[in-house]
PDB file of N, CA and C in Angstrom:
ATOM      1  N   UNK A   1     103.538 106.201  99.306  1.00  0.00           N
ATOM      2  CA  UNK A   1     104.582 106.906  98.578  1.00  0.00           C
ATOM      3  C   UNK A   1     105.888 106.132  98.698  1.00  0.00           C
ATOM      4  N   UNK A   2     106.333 105.560  97.635  1.00  0.00           N
ATOM      5  CA  UNK A   2     107.530 104.734  97.688  1.00  0.00           C
ATOM      6  C   UNK A   2     108.811 105.550  97.683  1.00  0.00           C
ATOM      7  N   UNK A   3     108.749 106.816  97.248  1.00  0.00           N
ATOM      8  CA  UNK A   3     109.973 107.613  97.178  1.00  0.00           C
ATOM      9  C   UNK A   3     110.278 108.348  98.476  1.00  0.00           C
ATOM     10  N   UNK A   4     109.408 108.262  99.470  1.00  0.00           N
ATOM     11  CA  UNK A   4     109.683 108.908 100.753  1.00  0.00           C
ATOM     12  C   UNK A   4     110.477 107.965 101.642  1.00  0.00           C
ATOM     13  N   UNK A   5     111.426 108.514 102.366  1.00  0.00           N
ATOM     14  CA  UNK A   5     112.236 107.662 103.242  1.00  0.00           C
ATOM     15  C   UNK A   5     111.403 107.004 104.336  1.00  0.00           C
ATOM     16  N   UNK A   6     111.770 105.793 104.656  1.00  0.00           N
ATOM     17  CA  UNK A   6     111.144 105.075 105.757  1.00  0.00           C
ATOM     18  C   UNK A   6     111.773 105.559 107.061  1.00  0.00           C
ATOM     19  N   UNK A   7     111.088 105.382 108.169  1.00  0.00           N
ATOM     20  CA  UNK A   7     111.685 105.797 109.434  1.00  0.00           C
ATOM     21  C   UNK A   7     112.927 104.965 109.735  1.00  0.00           C
ATOM     22  N   UNK A   8     113.933 105.576 110.347  1.00  0.00           N
ATOM     23  CA  UNK A   8     115.136 104.829 110.709  1.00  0.00           C
ATOM     24  C   UNK A   8     114.794 103.648 111.625  1.00  0.00           C
ATOM     25  N   UNK A   9     115.482 102.565 111.449  1.00  0.00           N
ATOM     26  CA  UNK A   9     115.156 101.333 112.169  1.00  0.00           C
ATOM     27  C   UNK A   9     115.397 101.430 113.671  1.00  0.00           C
ATOM     28  N   UNK A  10     116.252 102.334 114.112  1.00  0.00           N
ATOM     29  CA  UNK A  10     116.559 102.418 115.542  1.00  0.00           C
ATOM     30  C   UNK A  10     115.515 103.190 116.343  1.00  0.00           C
ATOM     31  N   UNK A  11     114.542 103.793 115.688  1.00  0.00           N
ATOM     32  CA  UNK A  11     113.509 104.548 116.408  1.00  0.00           C
ATOM     33  C   UNK A  11     112.535 103.598 117.098  1.00  0.00           C
ATOM     34  N   UNK A  12     111.895 104.092 118.140  1.00  0.00           N
ATOM     35  CA  UNK A  12     110.882 103.305 118.833  1.00  0.00           C
ATOM     36  C   UNK A  12     109.671 103.105 117.929  1.00  0.00           C
ATOM     37  N   UNK A  13     108.829 102.184 118.297  1.00  0.00           N
ATOM     38  CA  UNK A  13     107.615 101.920 117.530  1.00  0.00           C
ATOM     39  C   UNK A  13     106.765 103.186 117.453  1.00  0.00           C
ATOM     40  N   UNK A  14     106.629 103.893 118.575  1.00  0.00           N
ATOM     41  CA  UNK A  14     105.821 105.122 118.593  1.00  0.00           C
ATOM     42  C   UNK A  14     106.415 106.200 117.692  1.00  0.00           C
ATOM     43  N   UNK A  15     107.731 106.353 117.719  1.00  0.00           N
ATOM     44  CA  UNK A  15     108.367 107.369 116.872  1.00  0.00           C
ATOM     45  C   UNK A  15     108.272 107.005 115.397  1.00  0.00           C
ATOM     46  N   UNK A  16     108.365 105.723 115.086  1.00  0.00           N
ATOM     47  CA  UNK A  16     108.192 105.297 113.693  1.00  0.00           C
ATOM     48  C   UNK A  16     106.781 105.614 113.208  1.00  0.00           C
ATOM     49  N   UNK A  17     105.794 105.384 114.060  1.00  0.00           N
ATOM     50  CA  UNK A  17     104.410 105.686 113.686  1.00  0.00           C
ATOM     51  C   UNK A  17     104.239 107.188 113.487  1.00  0.00           C
ATOM     52  N   UNK A  18     104.845 107.995 114.360  1.00  0.00           N
ATOM     53  CA  UNK A  18     104.744 109.448 114.223  1.00  0.00           C
ATOM     54  C   UNK A  18     105.439 109.901 112.952  1.00  0.00           C
ATOM     55  N   UNK A  19     106.598 109.336 112.643  1.00  0.00           N
ATOM     56  CA  UNK A  19     107.330 109.637 111.397  1.00  0.00           C
ATOM     57  C   UNK A  19     106.398 109.432 110.199  1.00  0.00           C
ATOM     58  N   UNK A  20     105.768 108.253 110.156  1.00  0.00           N
ATOM     59  CA  UNK A  20     104.885 107.941 109.027  1.00  0.00           C
ATOM     60  C   UNK A  20     103.720 108.925 108.942  1.00  0.00           C
ATOM     61  N   UNK A  21     103.162 109.300 110.078  1.00  0.00           N
ATOM     62  CA  UNK A  21     102.056 110.266 110.105  1.00  0.00           C
ATOM     63  C   UNK A  21     102.506 111.612 109.542  1.00  0.00           C
ATOM     64  N   UNK A  22     103.673 112.079 109.956  1.00  0.00           N
ATOM     65  CA  UNK A  22     104.185 113.369 109.482  1.00  0.00           C
ATOM     66  C   UNK A  22     104.447 113.309 107.984  1.00  0.00           C
ATOM     67  N   UNK A  23     105.067 112.227 107.532  1.00  0.00           N
ATOM     68  CA  UNK A  23     105.387 112.084 106.107  1.00  0.00           C
ATOM     69  C   UNK A  23     104.106 112.045 105.274  1.00  0.00           C
ATOM     70  N   UNK A  24     103.053 111.429 105.817  1.00  0.00           N
ATOM     71  CA  UNK A  24     101.777 111.352 105.090  1.00  0.00           C
ATOM     72  C   UNK A  24     101.033 112.683 105.064  1.00  0.00           C
ATOM     73  N   UNK A  25     101.158 113.475 106.123  1.00  0.00           N
ATOM     74  CA  UNK A  25     100.354 114.689 106.257  1.00  0.00           C
ATOM     75  C   UNK A  25     101.037 115.967 105.793  1.00  0.00           C
ATOM     76  N   UNK A  26     102.350 115.960 105.672  1.00  0.00           N
ATOM     77  CA  UNK A  26     103.078 117.180 105.343  1.00  0.00           C
ATOM     78  C   UNK A  26     104.012 116.957 104.159  1.00  0.00           C
ATOM     79  N   UNK A  27     104.224 118.015 103.410  1.00  0.00           N
ATOM     80  CA  UNK A  27     105.224 117.986 102.345  1.00  0.00           C
ATOM     81  C   UNK A  27     106.559 118.342 102.981  1.00  0.00           C
ATOM     82  N   UNK A  28     107.547 117.484 102.817  1.00  0.00           N
ATOM     83  CA  UNK A  28     108.874 117.711 103.395  1.00  0.00           C
ATOM     84  C   UNK A  28     109.916 117.764 102.293  1.00  0.00           C
ATOM     85  N   UNK A  29     110.798 118.723 102.404  1.00  0.00           N
ATOM     86  CA  UNK A  29     111.973 118.796 101.539  1.00  0.00           C
ATOM     87  C   UNK A  29     112.975 117.748 102.035  1.00  0.00           C
ATOM     88  N   UNK A  30     113.929 117.363 101.209  1.00  0.00           N
ATOM     89  CA  UNK A  30     114.886 116.337 101.628  1.00  0.00           C
ATOM     90  C   UNK A  30     115.609 116.649 102.950  1.00  0.00           C
ATOM     91  N   UNK A  31     115.971 117.894 103.176  1.00  0.00           N
ATOM     92  CA  UNK A  31     116.685 118.216 104.416  1.00  0.00           C
ATOM     93  C   UNK A  31     115.780 118.136 105.649  1.00  0.00           C
ATOM     94  N   UNK A  32     114.468 118.170 105.463  1.00  0.00           N
ATOM     95  CA  UNK A  32     113.551 118.073 106.590  1.00  0.00           C
ATOM     96  C   UNK A  32     113.559 116.687 107.228  1.00  0.00           C
ATOM     97  N   UNK A  33     113.913 115.674 106.457  1.00  0.00           N
ATOM     98  CA  UNK A  33     113.927 114.324 107.015  1.00  0.00           C
ATOM     99  C   UNK A  33     114.965 114.186 108.121  1.00  0.00           C
ATOM    100  N   UNK A  34     116.074 114.914 108.002  1.00  0.00           N
ATOM    101  CA  UNK A  34     117.073 114.889 109.080  1.00  0.00           C
ATOM    102  C   UNK A  34     116.532 115.576 110.328  1.00  0.00           C
ATOM    103  N   UNK A  35     115.787 116.656 110.142  1.00  0.00           N
ATOM    104  CA  UNK A  35     115.177 117.326 111.287  1.00  0.00           C
ATOM    105  C   UNK A  35     114.120 116.431 111.929  1.00  0.00           C
ATOM    106  N   UNK A  36     113.344 115.757 111.103  1.00  0.00           N
ATOM    107  CA  UNK A  36     112.342 114.838 111.619  1.00  0.00           C
ATOM    108  C   UNK A  36     113.007 113.706 112.392  1.00  0.00           C
ATOM    109  N   UNK A  37     114.101 113.179 111.866  1.00  0.00           N
ATOM    110  CA  UNK A  37     114.828 112.129 112.567  1.00  0.00           C
ATOM    111  C   UNK A  37     115.349 112.652 113.903  1.00  0.00           C
ATOM    112  N   UNK A  38     115.892 113.858 113.918  1.00  0.00           N
ATOM    113  CA  UNK A  38     116.397 114.441 115.162  1.00  0.00           C
ATOM    114  C   UNK A  38     115.270 114.596 116.185  1.00  0.00           C
ATOM    115  N   UNK A  39     114.097 115.011 115.727  1.00  0.00           N
ATOM    116  CA  UNK A  39     112.949 115.148 116.632  1.00  0.00           C
ATOM    117  C   UNK A  39     112.553 113.797 117.217  1.00  0.00           C
ATOM    118  N   UNK A  40     112.506 112.791 116.375  1.00  0.00           N
ATOM    119  CA  UNK A  40     112.141 111.446 116.840  1.00  0.00           C
ATOM    120  C   UNK A  40     113.170 110.888 117.810  1.00  0.00           C
ATOM    121  N   UNK A  41     114.432 111.052 117.493  1.00  0.00           N
ATOM    122  CA  UNK A  41     115.487 110.557 118.378  1.00  0.00           C
ATOM    123  C   UNK A  41     115.448 111.274 119.724  1.00  0.00           C
ATOM    124  N   UNK A  42     115.236 112.578 119.694  1.00  0.00           N
ATOM    125  CA  UNK A  42     115.165 113.340 120.945  1.00  0.00           C
ATOM    126  C   UNK A  42     113.970 112.889 121.781  1.00  0.00           C
ATOM    127  N   UNK A  43     112.838 112.639 121.124  1.00  0.00           N
ATOM    128  CA  UNK A  43     111.664 112.172 121.855  1.00  0.00           C
ATOM    129  C   UNK A  43     111.912 110.802 122.475  1.00  0.00           C
ATOM    130  N   UNK A  44     112.535 109.905 121.712  1.00  0.00           N
ATOM    131  CA  UNK A  44     112.849 108.587 122.260  1.00  0.00           C
ATOM    132  C   UNK A  44     113.777 108.695 123.464  1.00  0.00           C
ATOM    133  N   UNK A  45     114.784 109.547 123.378  1.00  0.00           N
ATOM    134  CA  UNK A  45     115.712 109.738 124.491  1.00  0.00           C
ATOM    135  C   UNK A  45     114.978 110.327 125.701  1.00  0.00           C
ATOM    136  N   UNK A  46     114.090 111.254 125.456  1.00  0.00           N
ATOM    137  CA  UNK A  46     113.291 111.846 126.523  1.00  0.00           C
ATOM    138  C   UNK A  46     112.477 110.762 127.233  1.00  0.00           C
ATOM    139  N   UNK A  47     111.870 109.890 126.477  1.00  0.00           N
ATOM    140  CA  UNK A  47     111.048 108.835 127.060  1.00  0.00           C
ATOM    141  C   UNK A  47     111.895 107.827 127.833  1.00  0.00           C
ATOM    142  N   UNK A  48     113.084 107.525 127.330  1.00  0.00           N
ATOM    143  CA  UNK A  48     113.985 106.631 128.075  1.00  0.00           C
ATOM    144  C   UNK A  48     114.340 107.244 129.427  1.00  0.00           C
ATOM    145  N   UNK A  49     114.673 108.514 129.422  1.00  0.00           N
ATOM    146  CA  UNK A  49     115.032 109.196 130.661  1.00  0.00           C
ATOM    147  C   UNK A  49     113.820 109.279 131.596  1.00  0.00           C
ATOM    148  N   UNK A  50     112.649 109.535 131.048  1.00  0.00           N
ATOM    149  CA  UNK A  50     111.434 109.618 131.860  1.00  0.00           C
ATOM    150  C   UNK A  50     111.163 108.296 132.574  1.00  0.00           C
ATOM    151  N   UNK A  51     111.363 107.190 131.859  1.00  0.00           N
ATOM    152  CA  UNK A  51     111.174 105.872 132.477  1.00  0.00           C
ATOM    153  C   UNK A  51     112.185 105.640 133.603  1.00  0.00           C
ATOM    154  N   UNK A  52     113.422 106.084 133.399  1.00  0.00           N
ATOM    155  CA  UNK A  52     114.440 105.929 134.439  1.00  0.00           C
ATOM    156  C   UNK A  52     114.083 106.760 135.673  1.00  0.00           C
ATOM    157  N   UNK A  53     113.607 107.975 135.463  1.00  0.00           N
ATOM    158  CA  UNK A  53     113.197 108.820 136.595  1.00  0.00           C
ATOM    159  C   UNK A  53     112.004 108.194 137.312  1.00  0.00           C
ATOM    160  N   UNK A  54     111.070 107.643 136.563  1.00  0.00           N
ATOM    161  CA  UNK A  54     109.917 106.988 137.183  1.00  0.00           C
ATOM    162  C   UNK A  54     110.353 105.780 138.008  1.00  0.00           C
ATOM    163  N   UNK A  55     111.354 105.078 137.551  1.00  0.00           N
ATOM    164  CA  UNK A  55     111.840 103.879 138.249  1.00  0.00           C
ATOM    165  C   UNK A  55     112.687 104.232 139.464  1.00  0.00           C
ATOM    166  N   UNK A  56     113.605 105.183 139.303  1.00  0.00           N
ATOM    167  CA  UNK A  56     114.593 105.471 140.348  1.00  0.00           C
ATOM    168  C   UNK A  56     114.297 106.722 141.160  1.00  0.00           C
ATOM    169  N   UNK A  57     113.334 107.524 140.714  1.00  0.00           N
ATOM    170  CA  UNK A  57     113.044 108.784 141.380  1.00  0.00           C
ATOM    171  C   UNK A  57     113.892 109.905 140.802  1.00  0.00           C
ATOM    172  N   UNK A  58     113.536 111.156 141.096  1.00  0.00           N
ATOM    173  CA  UNK A  58     114.255 112.291 140.505  1.00  0.00           C
ATOM    174  C   UNK A  58     115.560 112.642 141.205  1.00  0.00           C
ATOM    175  N   UNK A  59     115.786 112.073 142.396  1.00  0.00           N
ATOM    176  CA  UNK A  59     117.007 112.416 143.140  1.00  0.00           C
ATOM    177  C   UNK A  59     117.690 111.165 143.670  1.00  0.00           C
ATOM    178  N   UNK A  60     118.926 111.351 144.087  1.00  0.00           N
ATOM    179  CA  UNK A  60     119.682 110.311 144.774  1.00  0.00           C
ATOM    180  C   UNK A  60     120.516 111.013 145.844  1.00  0.00           C
ATOM    181  N   UNK A  61     121.058 110.240 146.764  1.00  0.00           N
ATOM    182  CA  UNK A  61     121.924 110.801 147.792  1.00  0.00           C
ATOM    183  C   UNK A  61     123.367 110.609 147.383  1.00  0.00           C
ATOM    184  N   UNK A  62     124.130 111.684 147.428  1.00  0.00           N
ATOM    185  CA  UNK A  62     125.546 111.580 147.077  1.00  0.00           C
ATOM    186  C   UNK A  62     126.331 111.010 148.256  1.00  0.00           C
ATOM    187  N   UNK A  63     127.635 110.976 148.147  1.00  0.00           N
ATOM    188  CA  UNK A  63     128.459 110.348 149.190  1.00  0.00           C
ATOM    189  C   UNK A  63     128.405 111.087 150.522  1.00  0.00           C
ATOM    190  N   UNK A  64     127.895 112.309 150.515  1.00  0.00           N
ATOM    191  CA  UNK A  64     127.735 113.080 151.747  1.00  0.00           C
ATOM    192  C   UNK A  64     126.290 113.053 152.241  1.00  0.00           C
ATOM    193  N   UNK A  65     125.492 112.170 151.659  1.00  0.00           N
ATOM    194  CA  UNK A  65     124.066 112.052 151.952  1.00  0.00           C
ATOM    195  C   UNK A  65     123.277 113.318 151.634  1.00  0.00           C
ATOM    196  N   UNK A  66     123.774 114.079 150.680  1.00  0.00           N
ATOM    197  CA  UNK A  66     123.050 115.261 150.205  1.00  0.00           C
ATOM    198  C   UNK A  66     122.249 114.864 148.967  1.00  0.00           C
ATOM    199  N   UNK A  67     121.012 115.292 148.872  1.00  0.00           N
ATOM    200  CA  UNK A  67     120.210 114.944 147.692  1.00  0.00           C
ATOM    201  C   UNK A  67     120.725 115.653 146.444  1.00  0.00           C
ATOM    202  N   UNK A  68     120.775 114.921 145.359  1.00  0.00           N
ATOM    203  CA  UNK A  68     121.201 115.443 144.056  1.00  0.00           C
ATOM    204  C   UNK A  68     120.198 114.995 143.006  1.00  0.00           C
ATOM    205  N   UNK A  69     120.028 115.827 141.996  1.00  0.00           N
ATOM    206  CA  UNK A  69     119.164 115.442 140.884  1.00  0.00           C
ATOM    207  C   UNK A  69     119.841 114.338 140.086  1.00  0.00           C
ATOM    208  N   UNK A  70     119.059 113.360 139.703  1.00  0.00           N
ATOM    209  CA  UNK A  70     119.595 112.291 138.854  1.00  0.00           C
ATOM    210  C   UNK A  70     119.928 112.870 137.485  1.00  0.00           C
ATOM    211  N   UNK A  71     120.951 112.368 136.822  1.00  0.00           N
ATOM    212  CA  UNK A  71     121.292 112.854 135.479  1.00  0.00           C
ATOM    213  C   UNK A  71     120.145 112.716 134.486  1.00  0.00           C
ATOM    214  N   UNK A  72     119.299 111.728 134.685  1.00  0.00           N
ATOM    215  CA  UNK A  72     118.185 111.503 133.772  1.00  0.00           C
ATOM    216  C   UNK A  72     117.189 112.659 133.773  1.00  0.00           C
ATOM    217  N   UNK A  73     117.128 113.414 134.868  1.00  0.00           N
ATOM    218  CA  UNK A  73     116.228 114.566 134.920  1.00  0.00           C
ATOM    219  C   UNK A  73     116.649 115.589 133.864  1.00  0.00           C
ATOM    220  N   UNK A  74     117.947 115.876 133.802  1.00  0.00           N
ATOM    221  CA  UNK A  74     118.455 116.827 132.803  1.00  0.00           C
ATOM    222  C   UNK A  74     118.345 116.254 131.395  1.00  0.00           C
ATOM    223  N   UNK A  75     118.585 114.962 131.255  1.00  0.00           N
ATOM    224  CA  UNK A  75     118.462 114.332 129.937  1.00  0.00           C
ATOM    225  C   UNK A  75     117.030 114.437 129.441  1.00  0.00           C
ATOM    226  N   UNK A  76     116.071 114.176 130.326  1.00  0.00           N
ATOM    227  CA  UNK A  76     114.659 114.285 129.936  1.00  0.00           C
ATOM    228  C   UNK A  76     114.328 115.710 129.503  1.00  0.00           C
ATOM    229  N   UNK A  77     114.727 116.678 130.306  1.00  0.00           N
ATOM    230  CA  UNK A  77     114.443 118.087 129.989  1.00  0.00           C
ATOM    231  C   UNK A  77     115.088 118.507 128.673  1.00  0.00           C
ATOM    232  N   UNK A  78     116.372 118.207 128.532  1.00  0.00           N
ATOM    233  CA  UNK A  78     117.101 118.628 127.335  1.00  0.00           C
ATOM    234  C   UNK A  78     116.573 117.948 126.076  1.00  0.00           C
ATOM    235  N   UNK A  79     116.234 116.680 126.189  1.00  0.00           N
ATOM    236  CA  UNK A  79     115.712 115.953 125.031  1.00  0.00           C
ATOM    237  C   UNK A  79     114.335 116.450 124.634  1.00  0.00           C
ATOM    238  N   UNK A  80     113.505 116.771 125.625  1.00  0.00           N
ATOM    239  CA  UNK A  80     112.180 117.318 125.321  1.00  0.00           C
ATOM    240  C   UNK A  80     112.321 118.645 124.582  1.00  0.00           C
ATOM    241  N   UNK A  81     113.207 119.502 125.066  1.00  0.00           N
ATOM    242  CA  UNK A  81     113.424 120.788 124.401  1.00  0.00           C
ATOM    243  C   UNK A  81     113.960 120.609 122.986  1.00  0.00           C
ATOM    244  N   UNK A  82     114.890 119.675 122.810  1.00  0.00           N
ATOM    245  CA  UNK A  82     115.445 119.426 121.476  1.00  0.00           C
ATOM    246  C   UNK A  82     114.357 118.937 120.527  1.00  0.00           C
ATOM    247  N   UNK A  83     113.486 118.080 121.010  1.00  0.00           N
ATOM    248  CA  UNK A  83     112.382 117.585 120.183  1.00  0.00           C
ATOM    249  C   UNK A  83     111.460 118.727 119.781  1.00  0.00           C
ATOM    250  N   UNK A  84     111.067 119.538 120.748  1.00  0.00           N
ATOM    251  CA  UNK A  84     110.161 120.646 120.459  1.00  0.00           C
ATOM    252  C   UNK A  84     110.786 121.662 119.512  1.00  0.00           C
ATOM    253  N   UNK A  85     112.057 121.914 119.655  1.00  0.00           N
ATOM    254  CA  UNK A  85     112.736 122.838 118.742  1.00  0.00           C
ATOM    255  C   UNK A  85     112.780 122.284 117.325  1.00  0.00           C
ATOM    256  N   UNK A  86     113.053 120.989 117.203  1.00  0.00           N
ATOM    257  CA  UNK A  86     113.077 120.380 115.875  1.00  0.00           C
ATOM    258  C   UNK A  86     111.698 120.444 115.227  1.00  0.00           C
ATOM    259  N   UNK A  87     110.657 120.222 116.007  1.00  0.00           N
ATOM    260  CA  UNK A  87     109.290 120.308 115.492  1.00  0.00           C
ATOM    261  C   UNK A  87     109.012 121.747 115.036  1.00  0.00           C
ATOM    262  N   UNK A  88     109.404 122.707 115.860  1.00  0.00           N
ATOM    263  CA  UNK A  88     109.185 124.103 115.500  1.00  0.00           C
ATOM    264  C   UNK A  88     109.946 124.473 114.233  1.00  0.00           C
ATOM    265  N   UNK A  89     111.183 124.025 114.118  1.00  0.00           N
ATOM    266  CA  UNK A  89     111.978 124.330 112.925  1.00  0.00           C
ATOM    267  C   UNK A  89     111.414 123.667 111.677  1.00  0.00           C
ATOM    268  N   UNK A  90     110.779 122.536 111.853  1.00  0.00           N
ATOM    269  CA  UNK A  90     110.125 121.891 110.714  1.00  0.00           C
ATOM    270  C   UNK A  90     108.876 122.658 110.284  1.00  0.00           C
ATOM    271  N   UNK A  91     108.362 123.484 111.168  1.00  0.00           N
ATOM    272  CA  UNK A  91     107.166 124.254 110.849  1.00  0.00           C
ATOM    273  C   UNK A  91     105.912 123.412 110.843  1.00  0.00           C
ATOM    274  N   UNK A  92     105.884 122.378 111.664  1.00  0.00           N
ATOM    275  CA  UNK A  92     104.710 121.497 111.703  1.00  0.00           C
ATOM    276  C   UNK A  92     103.598 122.163 112.494  1.00  0.00           C
ATOM    277  N   UNK A  93     102.509 122.399 111.822  1.00  0.00           N
ATOM    278  CA  UNK A  93     101.337 122.991 112.456  1.00  0.00           C
ATOM    279  C   UNK A  93     100.185 122.039 112.206  1.00  0.00           C
ATOM    280  N   UNK A  94      99.589 121.597 113.259  1.00  0.00           N
ATOM    281  CA  UNK A  94      98.499 120.621 113.134  1.00  0.00           C
ATOM    282  C   UNK A  94      97.168 121.322 113.078  1.00  0.00           C
TER     283      UNK A  94
END
């Protein structure tokens, strides 16, 4: 389909592939493409944060040697929720 938008260039390879799958399998109105982009961006951000947590661990010691959650933990959680909400709002049912 040449009239359907291509995935944004800044998305990860996996998100671009998912974009194409969704566009091929579902009928989307023009405003849905922004929701799809938001879902893909949120998923990419979630994965970036997940990799950081895997590398550095979920906590760090603050200046008082008290354990604190790394900011990436909240970024991962919030991005995952944003992705799932965007998917739900798109009404994607597999």
